[in-house]
C-alpha cells in the first residue's frame, strides 16, 4: 500500500485496519461478493449498506467509532427491522466488542490498541481524500446472520414505526423539567421553545440531505467525516457519547431525588460515612442497573424501554388529572419574560429536542425514505404537544414553587401522583443500560487491546463498571437535575441539534444549496453559538451558586 506522509497523527490513530489485513480481504473477496448478493436479494434491491454499493476507497479502512451504528440502533424499539427477541442478529448488535464472534476475519496481528496506533506511522493510500468515510470490511459473521435474519440494515420500517421511533427518542426525562423551564424563562420564553423545536426539525431534515450527498454515509459521525475529515467525525462522536453519558448521570440524579422524596427517612452508615437521602438512592440505583450494563443481549431492555413513550404520556395525564379532578387548580402567575434566566431555559428546551444522534438511523430504516420529513414533523409535533402541555399545566399549578422535576411538586397522597412518580422512577432502570452501552463500546474500541479483547468478557465488565461508578461520582458531586440538564442542553444538545447539522450541510451541499438555505444555515449557526455560550455560562454559574 502506498503511504501518505501528510496525514495528521489523529488520522493515523483512528485507522483500525492494518496493512496485513489486505491480503486476507483479497482472498475472501469472492465470498463477500456472494454475501452482498444474498443480502441484496433479501432486501429487495441494491442494499444501501452493502459492500457492493460502496466505492473502493470506502471499503479499505475504518475510523473510530465503528460500533456506533450497531449500538444506537438499539433505540429503535418500534419495529426495528430484523430485530426479534434474543435473536443472534440483535445479540450481535447489542453485544460488547469484546465478545468472541465466530468466523471473524480480523487476525490478532491486524488489531492494535490505541497507543500502538499513535506510535506506528500507518497512513492510508495517497489517493484517498482525508474527508472520505472509511468503513470496516464487513465481517463474515455479520453476513452469515443476514441470510437468516435479513439484511443488516434494511429499509423495512413503516412511516408509523418511524414516527414512534422518533417520539421514543425525544420524549424522555426532559418532559419533567419543562414547567421549570417555563418558570425560568417566563411566558414569552415559550416563543423560544417553539423556535428551538422548529430549528431542530429543520436541521433534522438537513441531516437527510447530508446523508444523500455521498454514497456510503450511514450515521451522524459519517456526516462529520465527509464534511470535515477525521476531526469532524471524532468531534461529533465525542459530543454524541458525552450526551449519552450525561443522560445516565441525569437518570441517577432523578432516581435520587424522587426516591428520597418517597422515602424521606431512609439512611445508612457505612465505614464511617453517613449516606442519607439522595446520595444513598443514587448509589442503590447504580447497584441495581449495573447487571443490565453487563448484558450482551439488550433486546429485552430495548422492548421494555419502548414503554417510555407511554410512561411520558401517562405522566402528563396524571398531572392534568391532579390539576382538574384533585382540585389543585390552575392559576395564572409568573413573569412575562425572565431575561436573566432565559439562557438556562433555552438549554432545557434544547435538551428536550436532542434526537439527532438517531435520526440518520431512522432515515436509513424507512421503507419509503421520502417520508422522512413527515416522520420528523409528526414526531416533533407530538413531542411539542406533550412538552408544551406539561410546561403550561405544571407551572400554572405550582407557580414560582415549581421544582426542576414536576414530580417533586406533586402531593403524594393522591393516587395520580403515586402513578406519575413511580412511572418516573421505573423508566430510567431500562434506559440506563441502553444509554451507557454505546459509550462503553466506543471505549472498548479504543482502550482495550483487541488482540485479547474478544477472549475476555471480564475486561468488558470491568470497563463498564468503571463507567457506572464514574456516573455515580458525577451525580453525587453535581446533584442538580435542572442545572445539569441545562448545561448538557446548552453545550452538547445545541451543538448536535443546530451548529453541527447546519455546518455540515453548508460544507457538503455548498454547490447545490439555494441562497435561502445557505442564509438559514448561517443564521442557525450564529444563533446556536449564542445560545450555547450564554446557556453554558448561566448553568455553570447556577451550579457554583448552589454550592
Foldseek 3Di string as FASTA:
>chain_A
DDFDPPDDLLQLLFWFFAPVLVVLCVVCVVVLVVLQVLLQVQLPHRALQRPVQDDPQQEPTAGPPQLLLLLLLLLLQQCQALDDPPDPLLLQSLAFPLAAQPQFSDALVGGFFSVVSSVDRGGDDPPDDLLAHHDYHDTPSNSVVCNPRHHSQHQDDELVSLLLSLLLLQLAQLLQQLQVLCQLFAQLLVVLLVVLLVLLLVLLVLVVVLQVLDRNDQFPLSLLSNQPGPVRSVVLVVLLLVLLLLVLLLLLLLLQQLVCLVVVPDWDADPNDIGHGSLVRSVVLLVLLLVVLLDSRLSVLSNVLSCNSVLLVLLLVLLVCCQPVVVLHFADDHDRGNPLRSLLSSLSSLLSSQRSRCSSSSLSRHPDSVCSSVSSVSSSVVSCVSSVSSNRSLCRSQPPNQASGSLSVDDPVDPSSVSSSVSSNPNVSSVNSSSCSVVLNSCCSHHPTSSNSNVDSPVSSVSSSVSSVVSSVVCVLQSRSSLSSLLSSQARSLCSSFQSSLSSSCRSCVPPDDPVSVVVSVVSNVVSVVSNVSSNVSSVVVSVVVD
